[in-house]
Amino acid sequence: MEPSDKLNEENVRAIVRDELIGTSRTLIGTIFWTILSVFTVLVGLQLFQLAFSTSSVLGLVGLLLAGVVVLGASLYLLYLLHWK
């Protein structure tokens, strides 16, 4: 059976090199965004802690809403990165 695309060693090496570069960029990006979203989860939890130490009701509500938004966005990013 004849190969249909007549690949030589030079073409195969170029294809493999390009794919390795693309894969390493994807892996580095995934690691970066995972670390960033874990830190933002901690920031969201810190906002909850800060909200309960405030004396005003408006500050409590504002910090709780900010904590919910930050925590929700970072958990959604983790979901998109690893489970979807």
PDB file of N, CA and C in Angstrom:
ATOM      1  N   MET A   1       0.839  -1.173   0.000  1.00  0.00           N
ATOM      2  CA  MET A   1       0.000   0.000   0.000  1.00  0.00           C
ATOM      3  C   MET A   1       0.891   1.245   0.000  1.00  0.00           C
ATOM      4  N   GLU A   2       0.649   2.181  -0.883  1.00  0.00           N
ATOM      5  CA  GLU A   2       1.415   3.425  -1.025  1.00  0.00           C
ATOM      6  C   GLU A   2       0.941   4.457   0.002  1.00  0.00           C
ATOM      7  N   PRO A   3       1.878   5.165   0.629  1.00  0.00           N
ATOM      8  CA  PRO A   3       1.449   6.285   1.475  1.00  0.00           C
ATOM      9  C   PRO A   3       0.893   7.406   0.601  1.00  0.00           C
ATOM     10  N   SER A   4      -0.176   8.011   1.064  1.00  0.00           N
ATOM     11  CA  SER A   4      -0.875   8.977   0.216  1.00  0.00           C
ATOM     12  C   SER A   4      -0.269  10.380   0.259  1.00  0.00           C
ATOM     13  N   ASP A   5       0.429  10.731   1.311  1.00  0.00           N
ATOM     14  CA  ASP A   5       0.902  12.109   1.391  1.00  0.00           C
ATOM     15  C   ASP A   5       2.418  12.251   1.274  1.00  0.00           C
ATOM     16  N   LYS A   6       3.136  11.196   1.049  1.00  0.00           N
ATOM     17  CA  LYS A   6       4.582  11.221   0.774  1.00  0.00           C
ATOM     18  C   LYS A   6       5.357  12.064   1.793  1.00  0.00           C
ATOM     19  N   LEU A   7       5.197  11.754   3.063  1.00  0.00           N
ATOM     20  CA  LEU A   7       5.915  12.484   4.104  1.00  0.00           C
ATOM     21  C   LEU A   7       7.352  11.997   4.190  1.00  0.00           C
ATOM     22  N   ASN A   8       8.256  12.934   4.350  1.00  0.00           N
ATOM     23  CA  ASN A   8       9.640  12.553   4.603  1.00  0.00           C
ATOM     24  C   ASN A   8       9.977  12.890   6.058  1.00  0.00           C
ATOM     25  N   GLU A   9      11.170  12.528   6.480  1.00  0.00           N
ATOM     26  CA  GLU A   9      11.556  12.718   7.880  1.00  0.00           C
ATOM     27  C   GLU A   9      11.575  14.192   8.270  1.00  0.00           C
ATOM     28  N   GLU A  10      11.980  15.039   7.370  1.00  0.00           N
ATOM     29  CA  GLU A  10      12.043  16.476   7.655  1.00  0.00           C
ATOM     30  C   GLU A  10      10.650  17.060   7.922  1.00  0.00           C
ATOM     31  N   ASN A  11       9.673  16.653   7.124  1.00  0.00           N
ATOM     32  CA  ASN A  11       8.298  17.131   7.331  1.00  0.00           C
ATOM     33  C   ASN A  11       7.726  16.624   8.652  1.00  0.00           C
ATOM     34  N   VAL A  12       8.002  15.367   8.973  1.00  0.00           N
ATOM     35  CA  VAL A  12       7.491  14.795  10.219  1.00  0.00           C
ATOM     36  C   VAL A  12       8.104  15.518  11.416  1.00  0.00           C
ATOM     37  N   ARG A  13       9.403  15.784  11.364  1.00  0.00           N
ATOM     38  CA  ARG A  13      10.061  16.504  12.462  1.00  0.00           C
ATOM     39  C   ARG A  13       9.479  17.913  12.634  1.00  0.00           C
ATOM     40  N   ALA A  14       9.197  18.588  11.538  1.00  0.00           N
ATOM     41  CA  ALA A  14       8.618  19.936  11.616  1.00  0.00           C
ATOM     42  C   ALA A  14       7.220  19.892  12.236  1.00  0.00           C
ATOM     43  N   ILE A  15       6.433  18.905  11.859  1.00  0.00           N
ATOM     44  CA  ILE A  15       5.079  18.771  12.408  1.00  0.00           C
ATOM     45  C   ILE A  15       5.138  18.485  13.904  1.00  0.00           C
ATOM     46  N   VAL A  16       6.012  17.563  14.304  1.00  0.00           N
ATOM     47  CA  VAL A  16       6.142  17.218  15.720  1.00  0.00           C
ATOM     48  C   VAL A  16       6.628  18.416  16.523  1.00  0.00           C
ATOM     49  N   ARG A  17       7.585  19.169  15.997  1.00  0.00           N
ATOM     50  CA  ARG A  17       8.096  20.358  16.680  1.00  0.00           C
ATOM     51  C   ARG A  17       6.982  21.384  16.890  1.00  0.00           C
ATOM     52  N   ASP A  18       6.185  21.630  15.861  1.00  0.00           N
ATOM     53  CA  ASP A  18       5.080  22.589  15.982  1.00  0.00           C
ATOM     54  C   ASP A  18       4.051  22.138  17.016  1.00  0.00           C
ATOM     55  N   GLU A  19       3.738  20.854  17.023  1.00  0.00           N
ATOM     56  CA  GLU A  19       2.754  20.342  17.979  1.00  0.00           C
ATOM     57  C   GLU A  19       3.278  20.393  19.409  1.00  0.00           C
ATOM     58  N   LEU A  20       4.561  20.132  19.604  1.00  0.00           N
ATOM     59  CA  LEU A  20       5.137  20.212  20.950  1.00  0.00           C
ATOM     60  C   LEU A  20       5.117  21.638  21.478  1.00  0.00           C
ATOM     61  N   ILE A  21       5.397  22.599  20.620  1.00  0.00           N
ATOM     62  CA  ILE A  21       5.353  24.004  21.034  1.00  0.00           C
ATOM     63  C   ILE A  21       3.926  24.389  21.418  1.00  0.00           C
ATOM     64  N   GLY A  22       2.954  23.988  20.607  1.00  0.00           N
ATOM     65  CA  GLY A  22       1.560  24.296  20.914  1.00  0.00           C
ATOM     66  C   GLY A  22       1.086  23.640  22.198  1.00  0.00           C
ATOM     67  N   THR A  23       1.498  22.399  22.423  1.00  0.00           N
ATOM     68  CA  THR A  23       1.099  21.682  23.630  1.00  0.00           C
ATOM     69  C   THR A  23       1.729  22.295  24.872  1.00  0.00           C
ATOM     70  N   SER A  24       2.987  22.686  24.784  1.00  0.00           N
ATOM     71  CA  SER A  24       3.636  23.287  25.955  1.00  0.00           C
ATOM     72  C   SER A  24       3.009  24.634  26.294  1.00  0.00           C
ATOM     73  N   ARG A  25       2.624  25.406  25.290  1.00  0.00           N
ATOM     74  CA  ARG A  25       1.936  26.678  25.558  1.00  0.00           C
ATOM     75  C   ARG A  25       0.602  26.427  26.240  1.00  0.00           C
ATOM     76  N   THR A  26      -0.118  25.416  25.794  1.00  0.00           N
ATOM     77  CA  THR A  26      -1.403  25.089  26.393  1.00  0.00           C
ATOM     78  C   THR A  26      -1.225  24.640  27.839  1.00  0.00           C
ATOM     79  N   LEU A  27      -0.217  23.825  28.098  1.00  0.00           N
ATOM     80  CA  LEU A  27       0.034  23.338  29.452  1.00  0.00           C
ATOM     81  C   LEU A  27       0.442  24.476  30.381  1.00  0.00           C
ATOM     82  N   ILE A  28       1.327  25.341  29.919  1.00  0.00           N
ATOM     83  CA  ILE A  28       1.755  26.481  30.741  1.00  0.00           C
ATOM     84  C   ILE A  28       0.573  27.412  31.008  1.00  0.00           C
ATOM     85  N   GLY A  29      -0.265  27.636  30.002  1.00  0.00           N
ATOM     86  CA  GLY A  29      -1.447  28.473  30.194  1.00  0.00           C
ATOM     87  C   GLY A  29      -2.418  27.881  31.199  1.00  0.00           C
ATOM     88  N   THR A  30      -2.625  26.572  31.132  1.00  0.00           N
ATOM     89  CA  THR A  30      -3.529  25.914  32.073  1.00  0.00           C
ATOM     90  C   THR A  30      -2.998  26.015  33.499  1.00  0.00           C
ATOM     91  N   ILE A  31      -1.708  25.802  33.670  1.00  0.00           N
ATOM     92  CA  ILE A  31      -1.113  25.910  35.008  1.00  0.00           C
ATOM     93  C   ILE A  31      -1.235  27.341  35.532  1.00  0.00           C
ATOM     94  N   PHE A  32      -0.953  28.314  34.679  1.00  0.00           N
ATOM     95  CA  PHE A  32      -1.042  29.722  35.085  1.00  0.00           C
ATOM     96  C   PHE A  32      -2.460  30.083  35.522  1.00  0.00           C
ATOM     97  N   TRP A  33      -3.461  29.747  34.708  1.00  0.00           N
ATOM     98  CA  TRP A  33      -4.838  30.117  35.028  1.00  0.00           C
ATOM     99  C   TRP A  33      -5.363  29.346  36.227  1.00  0.00           C
ATOM    100  N   THR A  34      -4.876  28.117  36.436  1.00  0.00           N
ATOM    101  CA  THR A  34      -5.283  27.363  37.620  1.00  0.00           C
ATOM    102  C   THR A  34      -4.759  28.026  38.887  1.00  0.00           C
ATOM    103  N   ILE A  35      -3.481  28.398  38.881  1.00  0.00           N
ATOM    104  CA  ILE A  35      -2.902  29.064  40.053  1.00  0.00           C
ATOM    105  C   ILE A  35      -3.603  30.396  40.310  1.00  0.00           C
ATOM    106  N   LEU A  36      -3.868  31.146  39.248  1.00  0.00           N
ATOM    107  CA  LEU A  36      -4.547  32.430  39.402  1.00  0.00           C
ATOM    108  C   LEU A  36      -5.959  32.261  39.965  1.00  0.00           C
ATOM    109  N   SER A  37      -6.698  31.273  39.498  1.00  0.00           N
ATOM    110  CA  SER A  37      -8.063  31.098  39.994  1.00  0.00           C
ATOM    111  C   SER A  37      -8.083  30.567  41.424  1.00  0.00           C
ATOM    112  N   VAL A  38      -7.084  29.774  41.814  1.00  0.00           N
ATOM    113  CA  VAL A  38      -7.008  29.337  43.214  1.00  0.00           C
ATOM    114  C   VAL A  38      -6.753  30.539  44.126  1.00  0.00           C
ATOM    115  N   PHE A  39      -5.880  31.439  43.703  1.00  0.00           N
ATOM    116  CA  PHE A  39      -5.656  32.647  44.496  1.00  0.00           C
ATOM    117  C   PHE A  39      -6.910  33.513  44.566  1.00  0.00           C
ATOM    118  N   THR A  40      -7.677  33.587  43.494  1.00  0.00           N
ATOM    119  CA  THR A  40      -8.892  34.405  43.548  1.00  0.00           C
ATOM    120  C   THR A  40      -9.973  33.751  44.401  1.00  0.00           C
ATOM    121  N   VAL A  41      -9.959  32.422  44.513  1.00  0.00           N
ATOM    122  CA  VAL A  41     -10.859  31.764  45.468  1.00  0.00           C
ATOM    123  C   VAL A  41     -10.518  32.244  46.877  1.00  0.00           C
ATOM    124  N   LEU A  42      -9.232  32.306  47.164  1.00  0.00           N
ATOM    125  CA  LEU A  42      -8.809  32.789  48.484  1.00  0.00           C
ATOM    126  C   LEU A  42      -9.192  34.254  48.697  1.00  0.00           C
ATOM    127  N   VAL A  43      -9.111  35.059  47.645  1.00  0.00           N
ATOM    128  CA  VAL A  43      -9.525  36.464  47.753  1.00  0.00           C
ATOM    129  C   VAL A  43     -11.026  36.553  48.025  1.00  0.00           C
ATOM    130  N   GLY A  44     -11.815  35.723  47.362  1.00  0.00           N
ATOM    131  CA  GLY A  44     -13.256  35.708  47.611  1.00  0.00           C
ATOM    132  C   GLY A  44     -13.588  35.318  49.039  1.00  0.00           C
ATOM    133  N   LEU A  45     -12.889  34.318  49.556  1.00  0.00           N
ATOM    134  CA  LEU A  45     -13.107  33.917  50.949  1.00  0.00           C
ATOM    135  C   LEU A  45     -12.657  35.011  51.915  1.00  0.00           C
ATOM    136  N   GLN A  46     -11.596  35.710  51.558  1.00  0.00           N
ATOM    137  CA  GLN A  46     -11.124  36.827  52.379  1.00  0.00           C
ATOM    138  C   GLN A  46     -12.160  37.953  52.399  1.00  0.00           C
ATOM    139  N   LEU A  47     -12.839  38.172  51.284  1.00  0.00           N
ATOM    140  CA  LEU A  47     -13.895  39.192  51.256  1.00  0.00           C
ATOM    141  C   LEU A  47     -15.049  38.818  52.178  1.00  0.00           C
ATOM    142  N   PHE A  48     -15.390  37.525  52.252  1.00  0.00           N
ATOM    143  CA  PHE A  48     -16.422  37.089  53.203  1.00  0.00           C
ATOM    144  C   PHE A  48     -15.980  37.374  54.644  1.00  0.00           C
ATOM    145  N   GLN A  49     -14.732  37.057  54.930  1.00  0.00           N
ATOM    146  CA  GLN A  49     -14.206  37.295  56.270  1.00  0.00           C
ATOM    147  C   GLN A  49     -14.210  38.790  56.594  1.00  0.00           C
ATOM    148  N   LEU A  50     -13.828  39.597  55.633  1.00  0.00           N
ATOM    149  CA  LEU A  50     -13.812  41.045  55.830  1.00  0.00           C
ATOM    150  C   LEU A  50     -15.230  41.599  55.988  1.00  0.00           C
ATOM    151  N   ALA A  51     -16.182  41.014  55.277  1.00  0.00           N
ATOM    152  CA  ALA A  51     -17.564  41.485  55.359  1.00  0.00           C
ATOM    153  C   ALA A  51     -18.125  41.301  56.762  1.00  0.00           C
ATOM    154  N   PHE A  52     -17.790  40.201  57.392  1.00  0.00           N
ATOM    155  CA  PHE A  52     -18.337  39.951  58.726  1.00  0.00           C
ATOM    156  C   PHE A  52     -17.625  40.737  59.825  1.00  0.00           C
ATOM    157  N   SER A  53     -16.537  41.407  59.472  1.00  0.00           N
ATOM    158  CA  SER A  53     -15.860  42.231  60.481  1.00  0.00           C
ATOM    159  C   SER A  53     -16.190  43.716  60.333  1.00  0.00           C
ATOM    160  N   THR A  54     -17.014  44.073  59.366  1.00  0.00           N
ATOM    161  CA  THR A  54     -17.390  45.484  59.201  1.00  0.00           C
ATOM    162  C   THR A  54     -18.510  45.844  60.167  1.00  0.00           C
ATOM    163  N   SER A  55     -18.657  47.135  60.406  1.00  0.00           N
ATOM    164  CA  SER A  55     -19.685  47.588  61.347  1.00  0.00           C
ATOM    165  C   SER A  55     -20.943  48.083  60.639  1.00  0.00           C
ATOM    166  N   SER A  56     -20.857  48.419  59.360  1.00  0.00           N
ATOM    167  CA  SER A  56     -22.037  48.946  58.669  1.00  0.00           C
ATOM    168  C   SER A  56     -22.718  47.851  57.848  1.00  0.00           C
ATOM    169  N   VAL A  57     -24.009  47.991  57.713  1.00  0.00           N
ATOM    170  CA  VAL A  57     -24.791  47.023  56.950  1.00  0.00           C
ATOM    171  C   VAL A  57     -24.484  47.152  55.461  1.00  0.00           C
ATOM    172  N   LEU A  58     -24.309  48.381  54.999  1.00  0.00           N
ATOM    173  CA  LEU A  58     -24.000  48.600  53.589  1.00  0.00           C
ATOM    174  C   LEU A  58     -22.647  47.984  53.222  1.00  0.00           C
ATOM    175  N   GLY A  59     -21.676  48.134  54.102  1.00  0.00           N
ATOM    176  CA  GLY A  59     -20.370  47.513  53.870  1.00  0.00           C
ATOM    177  C   GLY A  59     -20.466  46.000  53.867  1.00  0.00           C
ATOM    178  N   LEU A  60     -21.272  45.460  54.771  1.00  0.00           N
ATOM    179  CA  LEU A  60     -21.479  44.015  54.836  1.00  0.00           C
ATOM    180  C   LEU A  60     -22.074  43.489  53.540  1.00  0.00           C
ATOM    181  N   VAL A  61     -23.114  44.150  53.052  1.00  0.00           N
ATOM    182  CA  VAL A  61     -23.775  43.708  51.822  1.00  0.00           C
ATOM    183  C   VAL A  61     -22.847  43.850  50.620  1.00  0.00           C
ATOM    184  N   GLY A  62     -22.138  44.971  50.538  1.00  0.00           N
ATOM    185  CA  GLY A  62     -21.231  45.192  49.412  1.00  0.00           C
ATOM    186  C   GLY A  62     -20.101  44.185  49.362  1.00  0.00           C
ATOM    187  N   LEU A  63     -19.484  43.923  50.504  1.00  0.00           N
ATOM    188  CA  LEU A  63     -18.384  42.959  50.537  1.00  0.00           C
ATOM    189  C   LEU A  63     -18.875  41.531  50.305  1.00  0.00           C
ATOM    190  N   LEU A  64     -20.069  41.210  50.797  1.00  0.00           N
ATOM    191  CA  LEU A  64     -20.629  39.882  50.526  1.00  0.00           C
ATOM    192  C   LEU A  64     -20.909  39.694  49.036  1.00  0.00           C
ATOM    193  N   LEU A  65     -21.464  40.721  48.400  1.00  0.00           N
ATOM    194  CA  LEU A  65     -21.716  40.628  46.959  1.00  0.00           C
ATOM    195  C   LEU A  65     -20.417  40.507  46.169  1.00  0.00           C
ATOM    196  N   ALA A  66     -19.420  41.287  46.558  1.00  0.00           N
ATOM    197  CA  ALA A  66     -18.120  41.193  45.883  1.00  0.00           C
ATOM    198  C   ALA A  66     -17.509  39.808  46.087  1.00  0.00           C
ATOM    199  N   GLY A  67     -17.629  39.265  47.289  1.00  0.00           N
ATOM    200  CA  GLY A  67     -17.113  37.925  47.557  1.00  0.00           C
ATOM    201  C   GLY A  67     -17.811  36.864  46.735  1.00  0.00           C
ATOM    202  N   VAL A  68     -19.129  36.996  46.597  1.00  0.00           N
ATOM    203  CA  VAL A  68     -19.882  36.028  45.786  1.00  0.00           C
ATOM    204  C   VAL A  68     -19.455  36.101  44.327  1.00  0.00           C
ATOM    205  N   VAL A  69     -19.291  37.304  43.805  1.00  0.00           N
ATOM    206  CA  VAL A  69     -18.895  37.466  42.401  1.00  0.00           C
ATOM    207  C   VAL A  69     -17.492  36.916  42.158  1.00  0.00           C
ATOM    208  N   VAL A  70     -16.550  37.274  43.021  1.00  0.00           N
ATOM    209  CA  VAL A  70     -15.166  36.818  42.843  1.00  0.00           C
ATOM    210  C   VAL A  70     -15.073  35.307  43.008  1.00  0.00           C
ATOM    211  N   LEU A  71     -15.714  34.780  44.033  1.00  0.00           N
ATOM    212  CA  LEU A  71     -15.672  33.338  44.274  1.00  0.00           C
ATOM    213  C   LEU A  71     -16.363  32.574  43.153  1.00  0.00           C
ATOM    214  N   GLY A  72     -17.506  33.062  42.707  1.00  0.00           N
ATOM    215  CA  GLY A  72     -18.214  32.395  41.617  1.00  0.00           C
ATOM    216  C   GLY A  72     -17.433  32.405  40.318  1.00  0.00           C
ATOM    217  N   ALA A  73     -16.825  33.538  39.999  1.00  0.00           N
ATOM    218  CA  ALA A  73     -16.049  33.626  38.759  1.00  0.00           C
ATOM    219  C   ALA A  73     -14.830  32.716  38.794  1.00  0.00           C
ATOM    220  N   SER A  74     -14.155  32.659  39.921  1.00  0.00           N
ATOM    221  CA  SER A  74     -12.960  31.817  39.989  1.00  0.00           C
ATOM    222  C   SER A  74     -13.316  30.336  39.992  1.00  0.00           C
ATOM    223  N   LEU A  75     -14.397  29.955  40.643  1.00  0.00           N
ATOM    224  CA  LEU A  75     -14.820  28.551  40.599  1.00  0.00           C
ATOM    225  C   LEU A  75     -15.290  28.161  39.198  1.00  0.00           C
ATOM    226  N   TYR A  76     -15.942  29.080  38.509  1.00  0.00           N
ATOM    227  CA  TYR A  76     -16.357  28.803  37.136  1.00  0.00           C
ATOM    228  C   TYR A  76     -15.147  28.639  36.220  1.00  0.00           C
ATOM    229  N   LEU A  77     -14.120  29.450  36.429  1.00  0.00           N
ATOM    230  CA  LEU A  77     -12.894  29.305  35.645  1.00  0.00           C
ATOM    231  C   LEU A  77     -12.231  27.958  35.912  1.00  0.00           C
ATOM    232  N   LEU A  78     -12.193  27.534  37.164  1.00  0.00           N
ATOM    233  CA  LEU A  78     -11.644  26.212  37.477  1.00  0.00           C
ATOM    234  C   LEU A  78     -12.459  25.112  36.810  1.00  0.00           C
ATOM    235  N   TYR A  79     -13.777  25.264  36.811  1.00  0.00           N
ATOM    236  CA  TYR A  79     -14.639  24.281  36.151  1.00  0.00           C
ATOM    237  C   TYR A  79     -14.342  24.218  34.657  1.00  0.00           C
ATOM    238  N   LEU A  80     -14.212  25.367  34.020  1.00  0.00           N
ATOM    239  CA  LEU A  80     -13.922  25.384  32.586  1.00  0.00           C
ATOM    240  C   LEU A  80     -12.554  24.797  32.271  1.00  0.00           C
ATOM    241  N   LEU A  81     -11.587  25.029  33.135  1.00  0.00           N
ATOM    242  CA  LEU A  81     -10.232  24.541  32.885  1.00  0.00           C
ATOM    243  C   LEU A  81     -10.104  23.036  33.062  1.00  0.00           C
ATOM    244  N   HIS A  82     -10.802  22.474  34.044  1.00  0.00           N
ATOM    245  CA  HIS A  82     -10.499  21.095  34.415  1.00  0.00           C
ATOM    246  C   HIS A  82     -11.642  20.102  34.267  1.00  0.00           C
ATOM    247  N   TRP A  83     -12.879  20.542  34.242  1.00  0.00           N
ATOM    248  CA  TRP A  83     -13.964  19.570  34.238  1.00  0.00           C
ATOM    249  C   TRP A  83     -14.882  19.662  33.042  1.00  0.00           C
ATOM    250  N   LYS A  84     -14.663  20.582  32.157  1.00  0.00           N
ATOM    251  CA  LYS A  84     -15.539  20.667  30.989  1.00  0.00           C
ATOM    252  C   LYS A  84     -14.803  20.230  29.763  1.00  0.00           C
TER     253      LYS A  84
END
